[in-house]
């Protein structure tokens, strides 16, 4: 769940103007991208103030469960400015474990009224930005075992493209180009979260050899 003081702007490239949105990921699984503003009211030096942050982009690899986003308290002009300069966010899963994520801002110069957020995020997602998002079809582990027993990771075709696993066998993938390491890291995190405790332990053991 997003807290009450987070005003949602976009979810996976689609404009959604509402005060709160449930981060209950059921479908599609894989990368999720949410853009929001932190809006707060506080009293400082005897006066009431309103604060609305820049648009913050949050991207994370999701599995089928509920997530909770937490934001720091803002009680002064200085803490509001500090948050806007360097937002501090915490994302946890339903077990209370910290979830890795990438964050950025959706910035626009000049007049801020009448912004077309869908157009802005579409442009953002086509550039090499840290929290960019691409619609991805991720097959469940059970399906992966049935279709490709030797599958070790979601196939990558190029820097910003995922191969369609249901239509392409791993041996058909073009490996002549280096994959984007940010995307590789995100999808490794996704599969690690999906793995059983024993599989996670075996994976750590292989890394440490």
Protein backbone atom coordinates (compact mmCIF):
# COMPACT_ATOMS: atom_id res chain seq x y z
CA UNK A 1 0.00 0.00 0.00
CA UNK A 2 1.04 3.57 -0.58
CA UNK A 3 0.62 5.79 2.47
CA UNK A 4 -2.20 8.34 2.61
CA UNK A 5 0.18 11.23 1.93
CA UNK A 6 1.39 9.70 -1.37
CA UNK A 7 -0.60 10.90 -4.37
CA UNK A 8 -0.32 8.39 -7.22
CA UNK A 9 0.44 9.78 -10.67
CA UNK A 10 1.29 6.74 -12.82
CA UNK A 11 1.27 2.96 -12.53
CA UNK A 12 3.21 1.08 -15.22
CA UNK A 13 2.94 3.94 -17.69
CA UNK A 14 -0.78 4.61 -17.12
CA UNK A 15 -1.96 7.84 -15.48
CA UNK A 16 -3.83 7.16 -12.23
CA UNK A 17 -4.84 10.22 -10.23
CA UNK A 18 -5.80 9.05 -6.76
CA UNK A 19 -4.64 9.55 -3.21
CA UNK A 20 -3.80 5.93 -2.50
CA UNK A 21 -3.16 2.79 -4.51
CA UNK A 22 -2.84 -0.79 -3.32
CA UNK A 23 0.51 -2.36 -4.15
CA UNK A 24 -1.05 -5.84 -4.23
CA UNK A 25 0.82 -7.46 -7.10
CA UNK A 26 -1.03 -10.39 -8.64
CA UNK A 27 -0.66 -9.88 -12.40
CA UNK A 28 1.45 -9.10 -14.29
CA UNK A 29 4.42 -10.25 -12.27
CA UNK A 30 7.85 -8.85 -12.93
CA UNK A 31 8.92 -5.22 -13.07
CA UNK A 32 6.50 -2.66 -11.62
CA UNK A 33 6.84 1.11 -11.99
CA UNK A 34 4.90 3.57 -9.84
CA UNK A 35 5.17 7.36 -9.93
CA UNK A 36 3.79 9.48 -7.10
CA UNK A 37 4.08 12.74 -5.19
CA UNK A 38 4.57 13.05 -1.45
CA UNK A 39 2.03 15.60 -0.20
CA UNK A 40 2.12 16.80 3.38
CA UNK A 41 0.98 19.58 5.69
CA UNK A 42 3.08 20.71 8.61
CA UNK A 43 3.43 23.55 11.07
CA UNK A 44 6.71 25.45 11.10
CA UNK A 45 7.49 28.62 13.06
CA UNK A 46 3.83 29.11 13.95
CA UNK A 47 2.49 28.83 10.38
CA UNK A 48 0.81 26.04 8.43
CA UNK A 49 2.59 24.92 5.26
CA UNK A 50 1.72 22.61 2.39
CA UNK A 51 4.33 20.48 0.64
CA UNK A 52 4.12 18.65 -2.67
CA UNK A 53 7.24 16.83 -3.79
CA UNK A 54 8.59 16.31 -7.27
CA UNK A 55 7.18 13.24 -9.03
CA UNK A 56 9.08 10.23 -7.70
CA UNK A 57 9.47 7.09 -9.82
CA UNK A 58 9.75 3.75 -8.02
CA UNK A 59 10.62 0.54 -9.90
CA UNK A 60 10.95 -2.89 -8.37
CA UNK A 61 10.75 -6.58 -9.25
CA UNK A 62 7.50 -7.99 -7.87
CA UNK A 63 6.09 -11.38 -7.04
CA UNK A 64 2.50 -12.17 -6.11
CA UNK A 65 2.10 -10.50 -2.72
CA UNK A 66 1.36 -7.17 -1.02
CA UNK A 67 3.97 -4.43 -0.66
CA UNK A 68 4.15 -1.45 1.68
CA UNK A 69 5.84 1.86 0.88
CA UNK A 70 6.91 4.01 3.84
CA UNK A 71 7.87 7.70 3.75
CA UNK A 72 9.66 9.78 6.38
CA UNK A 73 7.80 12.38 8.44
CA UNK A 74 8.01 15.98 7.31
CA UNK A 75 7.66 18.55 10.09
CA UNK A 76 9.58 21.56 8.79
CA UNK A 77 10.58 23.48 5.67
CA UNK A 78 14.09 22.09 5.93
CA UNK A 79 12.94 18.45 6.14
CA UNK A 80 10.60 19.04 3.17
CA UNK A 81 13.47 20.46 1.11
CA UNK A 82 15.75 17.65 2.22
CA UNK A 83 13.25 15.04 1.09
CA UNK A 84 12.73 16.75 -2.26
CA UNK A 85 16.48 16.90 -2.84
CA UNK A 86 17.10 13.29 -1.80
CA UNK A 87 13.93 11.24 -1.20
CA UNK A 88 14.32 8.49 1.40
CA UNK A 89 11.93 5.61 0.74
CA UNK A 90 11.42 2.18 2.28
CA UNK A 91 9.68 -0.70 0.51
CA UNK A 92 8.81 -3.94 2.32
CA UNK A 93 6.98 -7.12 1.42
CA UNK A 94 4.11 -8.66 3.40
CA UNK A 95 6.62 -10.42 5.68
CA UNK A 96 8.27 -7.10 6.54
CA UNK A 97 11.43 -7.80 4.55
CA UNK A 98 13.12 -4.96 2.71
CA UNK A 99 12.61 -5.06 -1.07
CA UNK A 100 15.25 -3.76 -3.48
CA UNK A 101 14.10 -0.96 -5.78
CA UNK A 102 15.34 1.75 -8.11
CA UNK A 103 14.10 5.31 -7.79
CA UNK A 104 14.32 8.46 -9.87
CA UNK A 105 12.31 11.61 -10.58
CA UNK A 106 10.06 12.54 -13.50
CA UNK A 107 11.14 16.12 -14.07
CA UNK A 108 9.85 18.81 -16.38
CA UNK A 109 11.26 22.29 -16.83
CA UNK A 110 9.03 25.34 -16.80
CA UNK A 111 5.29 25.45 -16.12
CA UNK A 112 4.05 22.41 -14.18
CA UNK A 113 0.31 22.82 -14.79
CA UNK A 114 -1.39 20.58 -17.34
CA UNK A 115 1.40 18.04 -17.54
CA UNK A 116 0.86 15.00 -19.75
CA UNK A 117 2.38 12.38 -17.43
CA UNK A 118 1.75 9.46 -19.77
CA UNK A 119 3.66 11.20 -22.55
CA UNK A 120 6.45 12.16 -20.16
CA UNK A 121 6.86 8.64 -18.77
CA UNK A 122 6.74 7.13 -22.26
CA UNK A 123 9.66 9.35 -23.24
CA UNK A 124 11.44 8.56 -19.97
CA UNK A 125 11.08 4.82 -20.52
CA UNK A 126 12.61 4.94 -24.00
CA UNK A 127 15.83 6.50 -22.70
CA UNK A 128 18.62 5.01 -20.61
CA UNK A 129 17.16 6.20 -17.30
CA UNK A 130 17.74 4.26 -14.07
CA UNK A 131 14.06 3.54 -13.26
CA UNK A 132 12.82 2.99 -16.81
CA UNK A 133 10.13 0.35 -17.33
CA UNK A 134 9.33 -1.98 -20.18
CA UNK A 135 6.32 -4.28 -20.30
CA UNK A 136 7.67 -7.75 -19.63
CA UNK A 137 6.09 -11.18 -19.85
CA UNK A 138 7.61 -13.31 -17.10
CA UNK A 139 6.74 -17.01 -17.06
CA UNK A 140 6.05 -18.62 -13.71
CA UNK A 141 8.69 -21.10 -12.46
CA UNK A 142 6.32 -24.06 -13.03
CA UNK A 143 5.84 -23.07 -16.69
CA UNK A 144 9.57 -22.48 -17.09
CA UNK A 145 10.33 -26.03 -15.93
CA UNK A 146 7.79 -27.46 -18.36
CA UNK A 147 9.00 -25.50 -21.40
CA UNK A 148 12.74 -25.20 -20.76
CA UNK A 149 14.22 -27.47 -18.07
CA UNK A 150 17.68 -25.90 -18.42
CA UNK A 151 16.43 -22.32 -18.05
CA UNK A 152 18.71 -20.39 -15.68
CA UNK A 153 17.45 -16.82 -16.09
CA UNK A 154 14.89 -14.82 -18.06
CA UNK A 155 16.40 -14.52 -21.59
CA UNK A 156 17.68 -11.13 -22.66
CA UNK A 157 17.77 -10.21 -26.34
CA UNK A 158 19.25 -6.70 -26.21
CA UNK A 159 19.83 -3.85 -23.82
CA UNK A 160 16.20 -2.80 -23.32
CA UNK A 161 14.30 -5.79 -24.81
CA UNK A 162 13.20 -9.01 -23.19
CA UNK A 163 12.81 -12.08 -25.40
CA UNK A 164 9.27 -13.43 -25.39
CA UNK A 165 9.92 -16.69 -23.55
CA UNK A 166 6.72 -18.38 -24.63
CA UNK A 167 7.60 -17.88 -28.31
CA UNK A 168 11.37 -18.30 -28.28
CA UNK A 169 13.63 -21.12 -27.17
CA UNK A 170 16.78 -20.00 -25.26
CA UNK A 171 19.05 -21.34 -28.00
CA UNK A 172 17.46 -18.93 -30.50
CA UNK A 173 18.42 -15.80 -28.57
CA UNK A 174 20.96 -13.42 -30.04
CA UNK A 175 23.77 -13.19 -27.48
CA UNK A 176 26.08 -11.06 -29.60
CA UNK A 177 25.16 -7.89 -27.68
CA UNK A 178 25.91 -7.27 -24.02
CA UNK A 179 22.71 -7.19 -21.88
CA UNK A 180 21.91 -4.15 -19.80
CA UNK A 181 23.28 -4.91 -16.33
CA UNK A 182 20.57 -2.95 -14.51
CA UNK A 183 17.91 -5.16 -16.09
CA UNK A 184 19.97 -8.29 -15.37
CA UNK A 185 20.27 -7.31 -11.71
CA UNK A 186 16.55 -6.62 -11.42
CA UNK A 187 15.52 -9.94 -12.92
CA UNK A 188 18.07 -11.86 -10.82
CA UNK A 189 16.47 -10.26 -7.79
CA UNK A 190 13.03 -11.32 -9.07
CA UNK A 191 14.01 -14.98 -9.48
CA UNK A 192 15.85 -15.00 -6.14
CA UNK A 193 12.67 -13.85 -4.39
CA UNK A 194 10.70 -16.61 -6.15
CA UNK A 195 13.17 -19.32 -5.10
CA UNK A 196 12.71 -21.57 -2.07
CA UNK A 197 15.01 -21.07 0.98
CA UNK A 198 17.01 -24.17 -0.05
CA UNK A 199 17.44 -22.90 -3.62
CA UNK A 200 18.52 -19.49 -2.28
CA UNK A 201 21.08 -21.18 -0.02
CA UNK A 202 22.43 -23.29 -2.90
CA UNK A 203 22.70 -20.16 -5.06
CA UNK A 204 24.68 -18.31 -2.36
CA UNK A 205 26.97 -21.32 -1.94
CA UNK A 206 27.75 -21.38 -5.66
CA UNK A 207 28.54 -17.65 -5.65
CA UNK A 208 30.88 -18.02 -2.69
CA UNK A 209 32.86 -20.90 -4.23
